[in-house]
N, C-alpha and C. Protein backbone atom coordinates (compact mmCIF):
# COMPACT_ATOMS: atom_id res chain seq x y z
N MET A 1 -60.22 -17.85 -6.44
CA MET A 1 -59.01 -17.89 -5.64
C MET A 1 -57.93 -17.08 -6.34
N GLU A 2 -57.31 -16.22 -5.60
CA GLU A 2 -56.27 -15.35 -6.16
C GLU A 2 -54.92 -16.05 -6.12
N THR A 3 -54.20 -16.02 -7.22
CA THR A 3 -52.87 -16.62 -7.25
C THR A 3 -51.83 -15.54 -7.00
N LEU A 4 -50.77 -15.95 -6.31
CA LEU A 4 -49.69 -15.02 -6.02
C LEU A 4 -48.69 -15.01 -7.18
N LYS A 5 -48.25 -13.85 -7.53
CA LYS A 5 -47.19 -13.72 -8.52
C LYS A 5 -45.88 -13.47 -7.78
N THR A 6 -44.79 -13.69 -8.46
CA THR A 6 -43.48 -13.50 -7.83
C THR A 6 -43.31 -12.07 -7.34
N ASP A 7 -43.89 -11.11 -8.06
CA ASP A 7 -43.77 -9.71 -7.65
C ASP A 7 -44.54 -9.42 -6.36
N ASP A 8 -45.57 -10.24 -6.06
CA ASP A 8 -46.38 -10.03 -4.87
C ASP A 8 -45.68 -10.53 -3.60
N LEU A 9 -44.66 -11.34 -3.74
CA LEU A 9 -44.00 -11.92 -2.58
C LEU A 9 -42.97 -10.95 -2.02
N LYS A 10 -42.82 -10.99 -0.71
CA LYS A 10 -41.80 -10.13 -0.10
C LYS A 10 -40.48 -10.87 -0.03
N THR A 11 -39.40 -10.15 0.14
CA THR A 11 -38.07 -10.73 0.23
C THR A 11 -37.66 -10.82 1.68
N ASP A 12 -37.20 -11.99 2.09
CA ASP A 12 -36.71 -12.19 3.44
C ASP A 12 -35.40 -11.43 3.60
N ASP A 13 -35.28 -10.65 4.68
CA ASP A 13 -34.10 -9.82 4.89
C ASP A 13 -32.83 -10.66 5.08
N ARG A 14 -32.95 -11.79 5.78
CA ARG A 14 -31.76 -12.59 6.08
C ARG A 14 -31.28 -13.40 4.89
N SER A 15 -32.20 -14.02 4.16
CA SER A 15 -31.78 -14.93 3.11
C SER A 15 -31.86 -14.32 1.72
N GLY A 16 -32.65 -13.26 1.56
CA GLY A 16 -32.84 -12.68 0.24
C GLY A 16 -33.78 -13.50 -0.62
N GLN A 17 -34.38 -14.56 -0.06
CA GLN A 17 -35.28 -15.43 -0.79
C GLN A 17 -36.69 -14.85 -0.76
N LYS A 18 -37.42 -15.05 -1.85
CA LYS A 18 -38.81 -14.62 -1.89
C LYS A 18 -39.63 -15.54 -1.00
N VAL A 19 -40.45 -14.96 -0.13
CA VAL A 19 -41.29 -15.74 0.77
C VAL A 19 -42.73 -15.31 0.60
N GLY A 20 -43.63 -16.21 0.95
CA GLY A 20 -45.06 -15.93 0.82
C GLY A 20 -45.56 -15.05 1.93
N PRO A 21 -46.84 -14.73 1.89
CA PRO A 21 -47.42 -13.83 2.88
C PRO A 21 -47.42 -14.38 4.29
N ALA A 22 -47.29 -15.70 4.46
CA ALA A 22 -47.29 -16.29 5.79
C ALA A 22 -45.89 -16.37 6.37
N GLY A 23 -44.93 -15.69 5.80
CA GLY A 23 -43.59 -15.65 6.35
C GLY A 23 -42.76 -16.88 6.04
N GLY A 24 -42.90 -17.43 4.88
CA GLY A 24 -42.06 -18.54 4.49
C GLY A 24 -42.77 -19.86 4.32
N TRP A 25 -44.02 -19.97 4.75
CA TRP A 25 -44.76 -21.21 4.52
C TRP A 25 -44.92 -21.39 3.03
N GLY A 26 -44.58 -22.54 2.54
CA GLY A 26 -44.69 -22.81 1.12
C GLY A 26 -43.35 -22.78 0.43
N GLY A 27 -42.28 -22.48 1.17
CA GLY A 27 -40.94 -22.54 0.60
C GLY A 27 -40.57 -23.99 0.33
N LEU A 28 -39.50 -24.18 -0.42
CA LEU A 28 -39.08 -25.53 -0.79
C LEU A 28 -38.86 -26.44 0.42
N PRO A 29 -38.14 -26.01 1.46
CA PRO A 29 -37.95 -26.93 2.60
C PRO A 29 -39.26 -27.35 3.27
N VAL A 30 -40.21 -26.44 3.35
CA VAL A 30 -41.49 -26.79 3.98
C VAL A 30 -42.26 -27.77 3.10
N ARG A 31 -42.24 -27.55 1.79
CA ARG A 31 -42.94 -28.47 0.89
C ARG A 31 -42.30 -29.85 0.93
N VAL A 32 -40.98 -29.91 0.98
CA VAL A 32 -40.30 -31.21 1.09
C VAL A 32 -40.67 -31.88 2.41
N GLY A 33 -40.65 -31.10 3.48
CA GLY A 33 -41.02 -31.65 4.79
C GLY A 33 -42.45 -32.16 4.82
N LEU A 34 -43.37 -31.42 4.22
CA LEU A 34 -44.76 -31.87 4.19
C LEU A 34 -44.92 -33.14 3.37
N GLY A 35 -44.18 -33.23 2.28
CA GLY A 35 -44.26 -34.44 1.46
C GLY A 35 -43.76 -35.67 2.23
N PHE A 36 -42.60 -35.54 2.87
CA PHE A 36 -42.08 -36.66 3.63
C PHE A 36 -42.89 -36.93 4.89
N GLY A 37 -43.46 -35.88 5.47
CA GLY A 37 -44.36 -36.07 6.62
C GLY A 37 -45.58 -36.88 6.23
N ALA A 38 -46.10 -36.62 5.02
CA ALA A 38 -47.25 -37.39 4.52
C ALA A 38 -46.87 -38.86 4.32
N VAL A 39 -45.66 -39.09 3.82
CA VAL A 39 -45.18 -40.48 3.66
C VAL A 39 -45.07 -41.14 5.03
N GLY A 40 -44.55 -40.41 6.01
CA GLY A 40 -44.44 -40.95 7.37
C GLY A 40 -45.80 -41.29 7.95
N LEU A 41 -46.79 -40.41 7.70
CA LEU A 41 -48.14 -40.70 8.17
C LEU A 41 -48.71 -41.94 7.49
N LEU A 42 -48.49 -42.05 6.19
CA LEU A 42 -48.98 -43.21 5.45
C LEU A 42 -48.37 -44.51 5.98
N LEU A 43 -47.06 -44.49 6.21
CA LEU A 43 -46.40 -45.68 6.75
C LEU A 43 -46.88 -46.00 8.17
N THR A 44 -47.18 -44.97 8.95
CA THR A 44 -47.71 -45.18 10.29
C THR A 44 -49.09 -45.82 10.22
N VAL A 45 -49.91 -45.34 9.30
CA VAL A 45 -51.25 -45.92 9.14
C VAL A 45 -51.14 -47.38 8.71
N VAL A 46 -50.20 -47.69 7.83
CA VAL A 46 -49.98 -49.09 7.43
C VAL A 46 -49.60 -49.92 8.65
N GLY A 47 -48.74 -49.41 9.50
CA GLY A 47 -48.36 -50.12 10.72
C GLY A 47 -49.54 -50.30 11.66
N ILE A 48 -50.40 -49.29 11.75
CA ILE A 48 -51.59 -49.41 12.61
C ILE A 48 -52.52 -50.49 12.06
N VAL A 49 -52.74 -50.48 10.76
CA VAL A 49 -53.63 -51.46 10.13
C VAL A 49 -53.07 -52.88 10.30
N ARG A 50 -51.76 -53.02 10.27
CA ARG A 50 -51.14 -54.35 10.43
C ARG A 50 -51.09 -54.79 11.89
N GLY A 51 -51.54 -53.94 12.81
CA GLY A 51 -51.64 -54.34 14.21
C GLY A 51 -50.40 -54.07 15.04
N GLN A 52 -49.53 -53.18 14.61
CA GLN A 52 -48.30 -52.91 15.34
C GLN A 52 -48.49 -51.90 16.48
N VAL A 53 -49.66 -51.26 16.51
CA VAL A 53 -49.94 -50.24 17.53
C VAL A 53 -51.23 -50.64 18.24
N PRO A 54 -51.23 -50.63 19.57
CA PRO A 54 -52.49 -50.89 20.29
C PRO A 54 -53.54 -49.84 19.90
N LEU A 55 -54.80 -50.27 19.81
CA LEU A 55 -55.84 -49.39 19.28
C LEU A 55 -56.45 -48.46 20.32
N ALA A 56 -55.67 -47.97 21.25
CA ALA A 56 -56.14 -46.94 22.18
C ALA A 56 -55.97 -45.58 21.51
N PRO A 57 -56.90 -44.65 21.73
CA PRO A 57 -56.83 -43.35 21.05
C PRO A 57 -55.51 -42.60 21.29
N LEU A 58 -55.00 -42.62 22.51
CA LEU A 58 -53.74 -41.92 22.79
C LEU A 58 -52.58 -42.57 22.05
N ASN A 59 -52.56 -43.90 22.01
CA ASN A 59 -51.50 -44.59 21.26
C ASN A 59 -51.54 -44.23 19.78
N LEU A 60 -52.72 -44.17 19.22
CA LEU A 60 -52.86 -43.82 17.81
C LEU A 60 -52.39 -42.39 17.56
N ALA A 61 -52.79 -41.47 18.45
CA ALA A 61 -52.39 -40.07 18.29
C ALA A 61 -50.88 -39.90 18.39
N ILE A 62 -50.27 -40.57 19.35
CA ILE A 62 -48.82 -40.47 19.51
C ILE A 62 -48.10 -41.10 18.32
N ALA A 63 -48.58 -42.25 17.86
CA ALA A 63 -47.95 -42.91 16.71
C ALA A 63 -48.03 -42.02 15.48
N LEU A 64 -49.19 -41.41 15.24
CA LEU A 64 -49.34 -40.55 14.06
C LEU A 64 -48.48 -39.29 14.18
N SER A 65 -48.45 -38.69 15.36
CA SER A 65 -47.67 -37.45 15.51
C SER A 65 -46.17 -37.73 15.41
N ILE A 66 -45.72 -38.84 15.98
CA ILE A 66 -44.30 -39.17 15.86
C ILE A 66 -43.98 -39.57 14.43
N GLY A 67 -44.80 -40.42 13.84
CA GLY A 67 -44.56 -40.89 12.48
C GLY A 67 -44.49 -39.77 11.47
N GLY A 68 -45.46 -38.88 11.48
CA GLY A 68 -45.45 -37.77 10.54
C GLY A 68 -44.51 -36.66 10.95
N GLY A 69 -44.47 -36.38 12.26
CA GLY A 69 -43.68 -35.25 12.75
C GLY A 69 -42.18 -35.43 12.59
N VAL A 70 -41.69 -36.61 12.90
CA VAL A 70 -40.25 -36.84 12.79
C VAL A 70 -39.82 -36.80 11.33
N TRP A 71 -40.58 -37.44 10.46
CA TRP A 71 -40.25 -37.41 9.04
C TRP A 71 -40.27 -35.97 8.52
N PHE A 72 -41.27 -35.17 8.96
CA PHE A 72 -41.33 -33.77 8.53
C PHE A 72 -40.10 -33.00 8.99
N VAL A 73 -39.77 -33.10 10.26
CA VAL A 73 -38.67 -32.31 10.82
C VAL A 73 -37.33 -32.67 10.17
N VAL A 74 -37.08 -33.96 10.02
CA VAL A 74 -35.80 -34.38 9.43
C VAL A 74 -35.71 -33.94 7.97
N ALA A 75 -36.78 -34.16 7.20
CA ALA A 75 -36.76 -33.78 5.78
C ALA A 75 -36.67 -32.26 5.63
N TRP A 76 -37.38 -31.51 6.48
CA TRP A 76 -37.31 -30.06 6.42
C TRP A 76 -35.89 -29.57 6.73
N ALA A 77 -35.26 -30.16 7.76
CA ALA A 77 -33.91 -29.73 8.14
C ALA A 77 -32.91 -30.00 7.02
N VAL A 78 -32.99 -31.18 6.41
CA VAL A 78 -32.07 -31.51 5.33
C VAL A 78 -32.30 -30.60 4.13
N ALA A 79 -33.56 -30.35 3.78
CA ALA A 79 -33.86 -29.48 2.63
C ALA A 79 -33.43 -28.03 2.92
N ALA A 80 -33.65 -27.56 4.15
CA ALA A 80 -33.24 -26.20 4.50
C ALA A 80 -31.71 -26.06 4.44
N ALA A 81 -31.01 -27.07 4.91
CA ALA A 81 -29.54 -27.04 4.84
C ALA A 81 -29.07 -27.05 3.39
N ALA A 82 -29.72 -27.85 2.55
CA ALA A 82 -29.34 -27.91 1.13
C ALA A 82 -29.58 -26.57 0.44
N VAL A 83 -30.69 -25.92 0.77
CA VAL A 83 -30.98 -24.60 0.17
C VAL A 83 -29.94 -23.59 0.62
N ASP A 84 -29.59 -23.62 1.90
CA ASP A 84 -28.56 -22.68 2.39
C ASP A 84 -27.21 -22.92 1.74
N VAL A 85 -26.84 -24.19 1.57
CA VAL A 85 -25.55 -24.49 0.92
C VAL A 85 -25.55 -24.01 -0.53
N GLU A 86 -26.65 -24.22 -1.23
CA GLU A 86 -26.75 -23.78 -2.62
C GLU A 86 -26.69 -22.25 -2.74
N LYS A 87 -27.25 -21.55 -1.75
CA LYS A 87 -27.20 -20.08 -1.78
C LYS A 87 -25.79 -19.57 -1.53
N ASP A 88 -25.07 -20.25 -0.63
CA ASP A 88 -23.72 -19.82 -0.28
C ASP A 88 -22.70 -20.15 -1.37
N GLY A 89 -22.91 -21.24 -2.04
CA GLY A 89 -21.86 -21.71 -2.92
C GLY A 89 -22.15 -21.55 -4.35
């Protein structure tokens, strides 16, 4: 597996931040969002195991997508705002 070096990354025109080959996937806000999304999924699974969600496949899918998705979006937005504030100030 090839590792990326800082010199291999391109610079985003708008932010001046180094981004990966996938156009920013792997930046700090995305990693924070993924971490909190994983916590949201874990807490949703705990709720499912404790019987808080009916065991129909659609209910499980919606619970998991809301549980992980909302935590991801909120954490990503807060981290992205914090990175922008730190760049400006």
